[in-house]
N, C-alpha and C. Protein backbone atom coordinates (compact mmCIF):
# COMPACT_ATOMS: atom_id res chain seq x y z
N MET A 1 13.07 48.54 -62.03
CA MET A 1 11.88 47.77 -62.14
C MET A 1 12.22 46.34 -62.53
N ALA A 2 11.46 45.39 -61.99
CA ALA A 2 11.71 43.98 -62.27
C ALA A 2 11.12 43.59 -63.60
N ASP A 3 11.79 42.68 -64.28
CA ASP A 3 11.30 42.17 -65.55
C ASP A 3 10.21 41.16 -65.29
N THR A 4 8.97 41.41 -65.76
CA THR A 4 7.84 40.54 -65.51
C THR A 4 7.56 39.60 -66.67
N SER A 5 8.37 39.64 -67.69
CA SER A 5 8.13 38.76 -68.84
C SER A 5 8.50 37.33 -68.45
N ASP A 6 7.70 36.39 -68.93
CA ASP A 6 7.92 34.97 -68.64
C ASP A 6 8.35 34.29 -69.93
N THR A 7 9.49 33.65 -69.90
CA THR A 7 10.01 33.03 -71.12
C THR A 7 9.56 31.57 -71.23
N ARG A 8 8.74 31.11 -70.30
CA ARG A 8 8.27 29.73 -70.37
C ARG A 8 7.12 29.62 -71.36
N THR A 9 7.01 28.43 -71.89
CA THR A 9 5.91 28.18 -72.83
C THR A 9 4.65 27.85 -72.04
N PRO A 10 3.49 27.95 -72.65
CA PRO A 10 2.26 27.57 -71.96
C PRO A 10 2.29 26.13 -71.46
N ALA A 11 2.90 25.24 -72.20
CA ALA A 11 3.00 23.83 -71.77
C ALA A 11 3.86 23.71 -70.51
N GLN A 12 4.93 24.49 -70.45
CA GLN A 12 5.79 24.46 -69.26
C GLN A 12 5.04 25.02 -68.04
N ILE A 13 4.29 26.08 -68.29
CA ILE A 13 3.52 26.68 -67.18
C ILE A 13 2.47 25.69 -66.69
N GLU A 14 1.78 25.01 -67.63
CA GLU A 14 0.77 24.02 -67.24
C GLU A 14 1.42 22.86 -66.48
N ALA A 15 2.58 22.42 -66.92
CA ALA A 15 3.29 21.32 -66.23
C ALA A 15 3.69 21.76 -64.82
N ASP A 16 4.15 23.00 -64.69
CA ASP A 16 4.52 23.52 -63.37
C ASP A 16 3.30 23.59 -62.46
N ILE A 17 2.19 24.06 -62.99
CA ILE A 17 0.95 24.13 -62.19
C ILE A 17 0.52 22.74 -61.77
N LYS A 18 0.62 21.77 -62.68
CA LYS A 18 0.23 20.38 -62.37
C LYS A 18 1.11 19.83 -61.23
N ARG A 19 2.43 20.05 -61.34
CA ARG A 19 3.36 19.58 -60.30
C ARG A 19 3.02 20.21 -58.95
N ARG A 20 2.75 21.50 -58.95
CA ARG A 20 2.44 22.20 -57.69
C ARG A 20 1.13 21.70 -57.10
N ARG A 21 0.14 21.42 -57.96
CA ARG A 21 -1.13 20.86 -57.47
C ARG A 21 -0.90 19.50 -56.82
N GLU A 22 -0.09 18.65 -57.46
CA GLU A 22 0.20 17.32 -56.90
C GLU A 22 0.93 17.43 -55.58
N THR A 23 1.89 18.33 -55.52
CA THR A 23 2.62 18.54 -54.26
C THR A 23 1.68 19.05 -53.17
N LEU A 24 0.82 19.99 -53.53
CA LEU A 24 -0.14 20.53 -52.58
C LEU A 24 -1.11 19.44 -52.12
N ALA A 25 -1.57 18.60 -53.05
CA ALA A 25 -2.48 17.51 -52.70
C ALA A 25 -1.81 16.54 -51.73
N GLU A 26 -0.54 16.21 -51.97
CA GLU A 26 0.19 15.31 -51.06
C GLU A 26 0.33 15.95 -49.69
N THR A 27 0.64 17.23 -49.66
CA THR A 27 0.79 17.93 -48.38
C THR A 27 -0.53 17.95 -47.62
N LEU A 28 -1.62 18.23 -48.32
CA LEU A 28 -2.94 18.25 -47.67
C LEU A 28 -3.33 16.86 -47.17
N ASP A 29 -3.02 15.82 -47.95
CA ASP A 29 -3.29 14.45 -47.51
C ASP A 29 -2.50 14.13 -46.24
N GLU A 30 -1.25 14.53 -46.22
CA GLU A 30 -0.41 14.28 -45.04
C GLU A 30 -0.95 15.02 -43.82
N ILE A 31 -1.35 16.26 -44.01
CA ILE A 31 -1.93 17.03 -42.91
C ILE A 31 -3.22 16.37 -42.43
N GLY A 32 -4.04 15.90 -43.39
CA GLY A 32 -5.28 15.21 -43.03
C GLY A 32 -5.04 13.97 -42.19
N VAL A 33 -4.01 13.23 -42.54
CA VAL A 33 -3.67 12.03 -41.76
C VAL A 33 -3.19 12.42 -40.37
N ARG A 34 -2.36 13.44 -40.29
CA ARG A 34 -1.81 13.86 -39.00
C ARG A 34 -2.87 14.37 -38.04
N VAL A 35 -3.89 15.06 -38.55
CA VAL A 35 -4.89 15.65 -37.65
C VAL A 35 -6.12 14.75 -37.50
N HIS A 36 -6.11 13.59 -38.14
CA HIS A 36 -7.23 12.67 -38.01
C HIS A 36 -7.29 12.16 -36.56
N PRO A 37 -8.49 12.09 -35.97
CA PRO A 37 -8.61 11.65 -34.56
C PRO A 37 -7.96 10.29 -34.29
N LYS A 38 -8.08 9.35 -35.22
CA LYS A 38 -7.46 8.03 -35.00
C LYS A 38 -5.94 8.15 -34.92
N THR A 39 -5.36 9.01 -35.73
CA THR A 39 -3.92 9.20 -35.71
C THR A 39 -3.50 9.85 -34.39
N ILE A 40 -4.25 10.85 -33.95
CA ILE A 40 -3.92 11.53 -32.70
C ILE A 40 -4.03 10.56 -31.53
N VAL A 41 -5.10 9.76 -31.50
CA VAL A 41 -5.28 8.78 -30.42
C VAL A 41 -4.17 7.73 -30.48
N GLY A 42 -3.85 7.27 -31.69
CA GLY A 42 -2.78 6.28 -31.83
C GLY A 42 -1.44 6.81 -31.36
N ASP A 43 -1.14 8.05 -31.70
CA ASP A 43 0.11 8.67 -31.24
C ASP A 43 0.13 8.80 -29.73
N ALA A 44 -1.01 9.20 -29.15
CA ALA A 44 -1.09 9.35 -27.70
C ALA A 44 -0.91 8.00 -27.01
N LYS A 45 -1.56 6.96 -27.56
CA LYS A 45 -1.41 5.61 -26.98
C LYS A 45 0.05 5.16 -27.05
N ALA A 46 0.67 5.38 -28.19
CA ALA A 46 2.08 4.98 -28.35
C ALA A 46 2.97 5.69 -27.36
N LYS A 47 2.70 6.97 -27.12
CA LYS A 47 3.51 7.73 -26.16
C LYS A 47 3.31 7.20 -24.75
N VAL A 48 2.05 6.90 -24.39
CA VAL A 48 1.76 6.36 -23.05
C VAL A 48 2.44 5.01 -22.88
N VAL A 49 2.32 4.14 -23.88
CA VAL A 49 2.95 2.82 -23.79
C VAL A 49 4.46 2.96 -23.66
N SER A 50 5.04 3.88 -24.41
CA SER A 50 6.48 4.10 -24.32
C SER A 50 6.88 4.56 -22.92
N ASN A 51 6.09 5.49 -22.36
CA ASN A 51 6.39 5.97 -21.01
C ASN A 51 6.24 4.86 -19.98
N ILE A 52 5.21 4.02 -20.14
CA ILE A 52 5.01 2.91 -19.20
C ILE A 52 6.15 1.92 -19.32
N ASP A 53 6.53 1.59 -20.56
CA ASP A 53 7.66 0.67 -20.76
C ASP A 53 8.93 1.22 -20.12
N HIS A 54 9.15 2.51 -20.29
CA HIS A 54 10.34 3.13 -19.70
C HIS A 54 10.29 3.06 -18.18
N THR A 55 9.12 3.37 -17.61
CA THR A 55 8.96 3.34 -16.16
C THR A 55 9.11 1.93 -15.63
N LEU A 56 8.48 0.96 -16.30
CA LEU A 56 8.60 -0.44 -15.87
C LEU A 56 10.04 -0.92 -15.98
N GLY A 57 10.72 -0.50 -17.02
CA GLY A 57 12.13 -0.88 -17.17
C GLY A 57 12.98 -0.36 -16.03
N ARG A 58 12.74 0.90 -15.67
CA ARG A 58 13.49 1.48 -14.54
C ARG A 58 13.13 0.78 -13.24
N ALA A 59 11.84 0.45 -13.06
CA ALA A 59 11.41 -0.24 -11.84
C ALA A 59 12.05 -1.63 -11.78
N TYR A 60 12.08 -2.32 -12.92
CA TYR A 60 12.69 -3.65 -12.96
C TYR A 60 14.16 -3.58 -12.57
N VAL A 61 14.87 -2.62 -13.10
CA VAL A 61 16.28 -2.47 -12.76
C VAL A 61 16.44 -2.18 -11.28
N GLY A 62 15.58 -1.32 -10.74
CA GLY A 62 15.65 -0.98 -9.32
C GLY A 62 15.37 -2.18 -8.43
N VAL A 63 14.32 -2.94 -8.77
CA VAL A 63 13.98 -4.13 -7.98
C VAL A 63 15.08 -5.17 -8.09
N ASN A 64 15.59 -5.36 -9.29
CA ASN A 64 16.67 -6.32 -9.49
C ASN A 64 17.90 -5.95 -8.67
N GLN A 65 18.21 -4.67 -8.62
CA GLN A 65 19.36 -4.22 -7.83
C GLN A 65 19.09 -4.42 -6.34
N ALA A 66 17.86 -4.13 -5.89
CA ALA A 66 17.52 -4.31 -4.48
C ALA A 66 17.61 -5.79 -4.09
N LEU A 67 17.10 -6.67 -4.97
CA LEU A 67 17.18 -8.10 -4.68
C LEU A 67 18.63 -8.59 -4.66
N THR A 68 19.43 -8.08 -5.57
CA THR A 68 20.84 -8.45 -5.59
C THR A 68 21.53 -8.00 -4.31
N ASN A 69 21.21 -6.78 -3.86
CA ASN A 69 21.79 -6.28 -2.61
C ASN A 69 21.32 -7.10 -1.42
N ALA A 70 20.02 -7.45 -1.39
CA ALA A 70 19.49 -8.26 -0.28
C ALA A 70 20.13 -9.64 -0.28
N LYS A 71 20.26 -10.23 -1.47
CA LYS A 71 20.90 -11.55 -1.56
C LYS A 71 22.34 -11.47 -1.06
N ALA A 72 23.03 -10.40 -1.38
CA ALA A 72 24.42 -10.25 -0.95
C ALA A 72 24.53 -10.20 0.57
N GLN A 73 23.46 -9.79 1.24
CA GLN A 73 23.48 -9.75 2.71
C GLN A 73 23.44 -11.16 3.31
N PHE A 74 22.86 -12.12 2.56
CA PHE A 74 22.65 -13.46 3.11
C PHE A 74 23.46 -14.54 2.43
N VAL A 75 24.19 -14.20 1.38
CA VAL A 75 25.01 -15.17 0.65
C VAL A 75 26.36 -14.52 0.37
N ASP A 76 27.44 -15.28 0.58
CA ASP A 76 28.76 -14.70 0.32
C ASP A 76 29.10 -14.80 -1.17
N GLU A 77 30.31 -14.37 -1.53
CA GLU A 77 30.72 -14.30 -2.92
C GLU A 77 30.72 -15.66 -3.61
N GLU A 78 30.97 -16.74 -2.84
CA GLU A 78 31.00 -18.09 -3.42
C GLU A 78 29.61 -18.71 -3.48
N GLY A 79 28.60 -18.04 -2.94
CA GLY A 79 27.24 -18.58 -2.96
C GLY A 79 26.86 -19.33 -1.70
N ALA A 80 27.76 -19.37 -0.73
CA ALA A 80 27.47 -20.07 0.53
C ALA A 80 26.62 -19.17 1.42
N PRO A 81 25.65 -19.76 2.15
CA PRO A 81 24.80 -18.94 3.03
C PRO A 81 25.60 -18.35 4.19
N ARG A 82 25.25 -17.14 4.58
CA ARG A 82 25.87 -16.48 5.73
C ARG A 82 24.96 -16.73 6.94
N LEU A 83 25.25 -17.81 7.67
CA LEU A 83 24.40 -18.21 8.78
C LEU A 83 24.35 -17.16 9.88
N GLU A 84 25.42 -16.41 10.04
CA GLU A 84 25.44 -15.38 11.08
C GLU A 84 24.41 -14.29 10.82
N ARG A 85 23.93 -14.19 9.59
CA ARG A 85 22.88 -13.21 9.26
C ARG A 85 21.52 -13.87 9.07
N ILE A 86 21.51 -15.10 8.58
CA ILE A 86 20.25 -15.80 8.31
C ILE A 86 19.55 -16.19 9.60
N VAL A 87 20.29 -16.73 10.56
CA VAL A 87 19.67 -17.23 11.81
C VAL A 87 18.93 -16.12 12.56
N PRO A 88 19.52 -14.95 12.80
CA PRO A 88 18.77 -13.92 13.51
C PRO A 88 17.50 -13.47 12.77
N VAL A 89 17.58 -13.35 11.46
CA VAL A 89 16.40 -12.95 10.68
C VAL A 89 15.33 -14.02 10.77
N ALA A 90 15.72 -15.28 10.70
CA ALA A 90 14.76 -16.38 10.80
C ALA A 90 14.09 -16.39 12.18
N LEU A 91 14.86 -16.15 13.23
CA LEU A 91 14.30 -16.12 14.58
C LEU A 91 13.29 -14.98 14.74
N VAL A 92 13.61 -13.82 14.20
CA VAL A 92 12.69 -12.69 14.26
C VAL A 92 11.42 -13.02 13.49
N ALA A 93 11.54 -13.64 12.32
CA ALA A 93 10.37 -14.00 11.52
C ALA A 93 9.50 -15.00 12.26
N VAL A 94 10.10 -16.00 12.87
CA VAL A 94 9.34 -16.99 13.63
C VAL A 94 8.65 -16.32 14.82
N GLY A 95 9.33 -15.40 15.47
CA GLY A 95 8.73 -14.68 16.59
C GLY A 95 7.53 -13.85 16.15
N LEU A 96 7.64 -13.17 15.03
CA LEU A 96 6.52 -12.37 14.51
C LEU A 96 5.33 -13.24 14.14
N VAL A 97 5.59 -14.36 13.49
CA VAL A 97 4.51 -15.27 13.13
C VAL A 97 3.84 -15.80 14.39
N GLY A 98 4.63 -16.13 15.41
CA GLY A 98 4.07 -16.60 16.68
C GLY A 98 3.20 -15.54 17.33
N LEU A 99 3.67 -14.29 17.34
CA LEU A 99 2.87 -13.20 17.92
C LEU A 99 1.56 -13.00 17.16
N LEU A 100 1.63 -13.06 15.85
CA LEU A 100 0.42 -12.90 15.04
C LEU A 100 -0.56 -14.04 15.31
N ALA A 101 -0.06 -15.25 15.42
CA ALA A 101 -0.92 -16.40 15.69
C ALA A 101 -1.56 -16.26 17.07
N LEU A 102 -0.78 -15.85 18.05
CA LEU A 102 -1.30 -15.66 19.41
C LEU A 102 -2.35 -14.55 19.44
N SER A 103 -2.08 -13.48 18.74
CA SER A 103 -3.00 -12.34 18.66
C SER A 103 -4.31 -12.78 18.01
N GLY A 104 -4.23 -13.57 16.96
CA GLY A 104 -5.42 -14.05 16.28
C GLY A 104 -6.24 -14.98 17.14
N SER A 105 -5.59 -15.83 17.90
CA SER A 105 -6.34 -16.77 18.75
C SER A 105 -6.98 -16.04 19.93
N ARG A 106 -6.37 -14.99 20.43
CA ARG A 106 -6.96 -14.21 21.53
C ARG A 106 -8.18 -13.45 21.05
N ARG A 107 -8.15 -12.96 19.84
CA ARG A 107 -9.32 -12.24 19.30
C ARG A 107 -10.51 -13.17 19.13
N ARG A 108 -10.28 -14.39 18.71
CA ARG A 108 -11.37 -15.33 18.50
C ARG A 108 -12.02 -15.74 19.83
N LYS A 109 -11.21 -15.85 20.87
CA LYS A 109 -11.72 -16.26 22.19
C LYS A 109 -12.50 -15.13 22.85
N GLY A 110 -12.03 -13.93 22.67
CA GLY A 110 -12.60 -12.79 23.39
C GLY A 110 -13.71 -12.16 22.72
C-alpha cells in the first residue's frame, strides 16, 4: 500500500496550490489568445502572405532566368549584339505589324 501521509505544511500546500493556479491561468490565457478569431485570421493571413511571397519569388527567379536566356540569344558574352539573330527576328516583327495594319485597314473599308 502507498503511503498517503503528506509531510508538507499547510503553508507549503497553499503555496503549491497558488503556483498551480497561476500556471493554469497562464495556460488558459495562452489558449484564449490562440483560439481568438483575430489570432486565427491573423495567422491565416500571415500564411497566405508567406505563400504568395514564396510563389512570387519563384516566379521572379523563373522570369529572370528566361530573360537572361533570351538576352543570351541576342547578345554575345562581351555584350555585343548578334546581328545574325536580331535581323531575322526584326524582319518577322515588321512583317507581322504590317499584316496587322493591313488587316485593320481592310476591316474598316469593308
